[in-house]
């Protein structure tokens, strides 16, 4: 008598994939983002001096991700190509964080349902406008779910703990230095290491509204150290 094929219900299959993706993301180091008066600050726990988790996607748009490096690096490169193609084909003003976040959501959602192994990543796409009220932050989950965030955002294995720490200290209109301190303190409180995170263990970038066109800039370890210590 031939053996029956192995069967797993669709509900159980989706649950197993979600559990797998969440465990992979939880093993990585976290990222927080804070909206402030000058723009949007993104801070990552990152001990590497060369492998980046935060980058520029386009003129006023930043990308950050947590999880498996080779997967979110591939998504970053795909996002840059898509943004460049749209900007060249139509106009630079037609490239938006919303459209890029939707593209990431579609790609991650398709991988989650159609492939054996889902992506072990969460993605942030942020864009600044002319005023703080027009800033945008989108969080894309491993299954393609898309969330519109305001004020503060946390991703990674300690997202709930980080959000609690951020929400306790956040208020609209924060200065750049206050936003960096808030984010770094939150990451230190939930760090995998026992000691507080030093500047060389943090990757910090800002979408700076005061800069012309290309608003993305990184903060050096010296700048971050001065801010965290209250001397900046």
Protein backbone atom coordinates (compact mmCIF):
# COMPACT_ATOMS: atom_id res chain seq x y z
CA UNK A 1 0.00 0.00 0.00
CA UNK A 2 1.53 3.32 -1.02
CA UNK A 3 2.23 5.74 1.81
CA UNK A 4 0.14 8.87 2.05
CA UNK A 5 1.88 12.16 1.28
CA UNK A 6 2.94 14.21 4.27
CA UNK A 7 0.34 16.91 4.99
CA UNK A 8 0.60 20.15 6.97
CA UNK A 9 -2.39 22.45 7.25
CA UNK A 10 -1.98 25.94 5.76
CA UNK A 11 -2.56 27.47 9.20
CA UNK A 12 0.23 25.40 10.77
CA UNK A 13 2.55 26.12 7.85
CA UNK A 14 2.09 29.87 8.18
CA UNK A 15 2.57 29.68 11.96
CA UNK A 16 5.80 27.71 11.57
CA UNK A 17 7.14 30.21 9.04
CA UNK A 18 6.23 33.15 11.28
CA UNK A 19 7.90 31.53 14.30
CA UNK A 20 11.01 30.83 12.24
CA UNK A 21 11.24 34.41 11.00
CA UNK A 22 10.64 35.94 14.44
CA UNK A 23 13.34 33.79 16.03
CA UNK A 24 15.83 34.81 13.37
CA UNK A 25 15.04 38.50 13.82
CA UNK A 26 15.25 38.21 17.62
CA UNK A 27 18.84 36.97 17.36
CA UNK A 28 19.87 40.23 15.72
CA UNK A 29 20.55 43.60 17.30
CA UNK A 30 17.86 46.25 17.51
CA UNK A 31 17.15 49.57 15.79
CA UNK A 32 15.18 52.60 16.98
CA UNK A 33 14.00 55.72 15.16
CA UNK A 34 12.95 59.01 16.73
CA UNK A 35 11.20 61.90 15.02
CA UNK A 36 12.61 65.25 16.11
CA UNK A 37 12.48 68.90 15.07
CA UNK A 38 15.46 68.68 12.65
CA UNK A 39 14.22 65.45 11.03
CA UNK A 40 14.36 61.72 11.82
CA UNK A 41 17.15 60.08 13.82
CA UNK A 42 17.84 56.36 13.33
CA UNK A 43 20.07 54.51 15.79
CA UNK A 44 21.24 50.92 15.54
CA UNK A 45 23.16 48.71 17.92
CA UNK A 46 26.00 47.74 15.61
CA UNK A 47 29.51 46.78 16.78
CA UNK A 48 30.80 46.56 13.19
CA UNK A 49 32.64 49.55 11.71
CA UNK A 50 32.05 48.44 8.10
CA UNK A 51 28.76 46.51 7.86
CA UNK A 52 25.95 49.09 7.85
CA UNK A 53 22.36 48.63 8.97
CA UNK A 54 21.26 52.18 8.09
CA UNK A 55 21.67 53.78 4.68
CA UNK A 56 20.33 56.30 2.21
CA UNK A 57 17.78 55.09 -0.34
CA UNK A 58 17.13 58.38 -2.10
CA UNK A 59 17.28 62.15 -1.62
CA UNK A 60 15.07 62.38 1.48
CA UNK A 61 14.58 58.69 2.20
CA UNK A 62 16.48 56.38 4.55
CA UNK A 63 16.49 52.60 4.95
CA UNK A 64 17.24 50.52 8.03
CA UNK A 65 16.77 46.84 8.80
CA UNK A 66 17.24 44.17 11.44
CA UNK A 67 17.69 40.44 11.02
CA UNK A 68 19.83 38.47 8.60
CA UNK A 69 22.44 40.74 7.04
CA UNK A 70 22.70 39.18 3.58
CA UNK A 71 18.91 39.31 3.20
CA UNK A 72 18.37 42.91 4.25
CA UNK A 73 21.42 44.04 2.26
CA UNK A 74 19.90 42.49 -0.85
CA UNK A 75 16.64 44.31 -0.15
CA UNK A 76 18.52 47.59 0.31
CA UNK A 77 20.20 47.27 -3.07
CA UNK A 78 16.90 46.39 -4.75
CA UNK A 79 15.29 49.46 -3.16
CA UNK A 80 18.04 51.75 -4.46
CA UNK A 81 17.65 50.36 -7.99
CA UNK A 82 13.87 50.82 -7.85
CA UNK A 83 14.16 54.39 -6.53
CA UNK A 84 16.73 55.32 -9.18
CA UNK A 85 14.61 53.84 -11.95
CA UNK A 86 11.49 55.72 -10.85
CA UNK A 87 13.38 58.96 -10.38
CA UNK A 88 14.94 58.69 -13.83
CA UNK A 89 11.75 57.56 -15.59
CA UNK A 90 9.39 60.10 -14.01
CA UNK A 91 10.88 62.64 -11.63
CA UNK A 92 12.80 62.77 -8.38
CA UNK A 93 9.71 64.05 -6.55
CA UNK A 94 7.82 60.90 -7.61
CA UNK A 95 10.05 58.68 -5.46
CA UNK A 96 8.38 58.29 -2.05
CA UNK A 97 8.86 56.24 1.10
CA UNK A 98 5.29 54.97 0.75
CA UNK A 99 5.87 53.50 -2.70
CA UNK A 100 9.15 51.89 -1.65
CA UNK A 101 7.60 50.48 1.52
CA UNK A 102 4.76 49.03 -0.55
CA UNK A 103 7.30 47.37 -2.85
CA UNK A 104 9.12 45.86 0.14
CA UNK A 105 5.82 44.68 1.60
CA UNK A 106 4.91 42.95 -1.64
CA UNK A 107 8.32 41.28 -1.94
CA UNK A 108 8.38 40.06 1.68
CA UNK A 109 4.76 38.95 1.56
CA UNK A 110 5.34 36.94 -1.62
CA UNK A 111 8.42 35.29 -0.13
CA UNK A 112 6.54 34.48 3.06
CA UNK A 113 3.67 32.70 1.31
CA UNK A 114 5.40 31.16 -1.72
CA UNK A 115 8.91 30.22 -0.57
CA UNK A 116 9.91 27.47 1.81
CA UNK A 117 11.98 29.85 3.96
CA UNK A 118 10.72 33.38 4.71
CA UNK A 119 12.98 36.39 5.00
CA UNK A 120 14.33 36.89 8.53
CA UNK A 121 14.15 40.68 8.36
CA UNK A 122 12.17 43.74 9.38
CA UNK A 123 12.57 46.93 7.36
CA UNK A 124 12.18 50.64 8.11
CA UNK A 125 11.66 53.17 5.32
CA UNK A 126 11.64 56.79 6.50
CA UNK A 127 11.17 60.07 4.65
CA UNK A 128 11.29 63.67 5.81
CA UNK A 129 9.12 66.44 4.45
CA UNK A 130 9.32 70.20 4.62
CA UNK A 131 7.79 70.16 8.13
CA UNK A 132 7.80 67.62 10.99
CA UNK A 133 4.10 66.98 10.36
CA UNK A 134 4.88 65.67 6.87
CA UNK A 135 7.54 63.18 7.98
CA UNK A 136 6.79 59.49 7.33
CA UNK A 137 8.02 56.22 8.82
CA UNK A 138 6.96 52.78 7.57
CA UNK A 139 7.78 49.47 9.18
CA UNK A 140 7.60 46.35 7.00
CA UNK A 141 7.45 43.00 8.80
CA UNK A 142 8.81 39.64 7.65
CA UNK A 143 5.37 38.57 6.33
CA UNK A 144 4.80 41.71 4.29
CA UNK A 145 2.65 43.49 6.87
CA UNK A 146 3.02 47.26 6.54
CA UNK A 147 2.69 49.66 9.47
CA UNK A 148 2.64 53.45 9.45
CA UNK A 149 4.51 54.70 12.54
CA UNK A 150 4.64 58.10 14.25
CA UNK A 151 6.96 59.60 16.85
CA UNK A 152 9.13 56.63 17.74
CA UNK A 153 9.73 53.18 16.32
CA UNK A 154 11.61 50.09 17.50
CA UNK A 155 12.52 46.92 15.61
CA UNK A 156 14.27 43.71 16.58
CA UNK A 157 14.13 41.15 19.33
CA UNK A 158 13.43 43.65 22.13
CA UNK A 159 10.94 45.88 20.30
CA UNK A 160 8.34 45.95 23.09
CA UNK A 161 10.88 46.86 25.79
CA UNK A 162 12.43 49.49 23.54
CA UNK A 163 9.05 51.04 22.70
CA UNK A 164 8.24 51.39 26.40
CA UNK A 165 11.54 53.15 27.04
CA UNK A 166 11.12 55.42 24.03
CA UNK A 167 7.53 56.38 24.77
CA UNK A 168 8.40 57.32 28.36
CA UNK A 169 10.96 59.89 27.23
CA UNK A 170 9.53 61.07 23.92
CA UNK A 171 7.77 64.32 23.24
CA UNK A 172 7.18 66.09 19.93
CA UNK A 173 9.74 68.70 18.93
CA UNK A 174 12.82 67.10 20.49
CA UNK A 175 16.18 68.50 19.48
CA UNK A 176 18.67 66.31 17.63
CA UNK A 177 20.88 65.69 20.65
CA UNK A 178 17.93 64.83 22.89
CA UNK A 179 16.63 62.39 20.27
CA UNK A 180 20.03 60.69 19.99
CA UNK A 181 20.30 60.41 23.78
CA UNK A 182 16.78 58.98 24.05
CA UNK A 183 17.45 56.35 21.41
CA UNK A 184 20.87 55.35 22.73
CA UNK A 185 19.58 55.06 26.30
CA UNK A 186 16.70 52.86 25.15
CA UNK A 187 19.07 50.58 23.23
CA UNK A 188 21.41 50.35 26.22
CA UNK A 189 18.53 49.32 28.48
CA UNK A 190 17.65 46.41 26.18
CA UNK A 191 21.14 45.52 24.95
CA UNK A 192 22.36 41.94 24.81
CA UNK A 193 25.46 43.15 26.66
CA UNK A 194 25.36 44.04 30.34
CA UNK A 195 27.24 47.35 30.01
CA UNK A 196 25.83 50.54 28.52
CA UNK A 197 26.47 50.89 24.80
CA UNK A 198 29.38 53.14 23.88
CA UNK A 199 29.55 55.31 20.77
CA UNK A 200 31.64 52.78 18.86
CA UNK A 201 28.87 50.20 19.32
CA UNK A 202 26.22 52.52 17.86
CA UNK A 203 25.46 53.42 14.27
CA UNK A 204 23.64 56.76 14.08
CA UNK A 205 22.26 58.59 11.06
CA UNK A 206 19.80 61.42 10.56
CA UNK A 207 17.57 62.70 7.82
CA UNK A 208 18.37 66.37 8.32
CA UNK A 209 15.73 68.80 7.09
CA UNK A 210 18.27 71.64 6.90
CA UNK A 211 20.40 69.93 4.25
CA UNK A 212 19.68 70.60 0.56
CA UNK A 213 18.19 67.73 -1.44
CA UNK A 214 20.25 64.81 -0.09
CA UNK A 215 19.36 64.99 3.59
CA UNK A 216 20.96 61.76 4.84
CA UNK A 217 24.10 62.07 6.96
CA UNK A 218 25.93 59.87 9.42
CA UNK A 219 27.13 60.94 12.84
CA UNK A 220 30.72 60.03 13.68
CA UNK A 221 31.69 58.15 16.84
CA UNK A 222 33.14 61.40 18.18
CA UNK A 223 29.85 63.25 17.58
CA UNK A 224 27.81 60.46 19.15
CA UNK A 225 30.11 60.21 22.19
CA UNK A 226 29.83 63.95 22.80
CA UNK A 227 26.02 63.82 22.57
CA UNK A 228 25.59 60.74 24.74
CA UNK A 229 27.86 62.18 27.42
CA UNK A 230 25.95 65.46 27.33
CA UNK A 231 28.88 67.43 25.94
CA UNK A 232 27.58 67.85 22.37
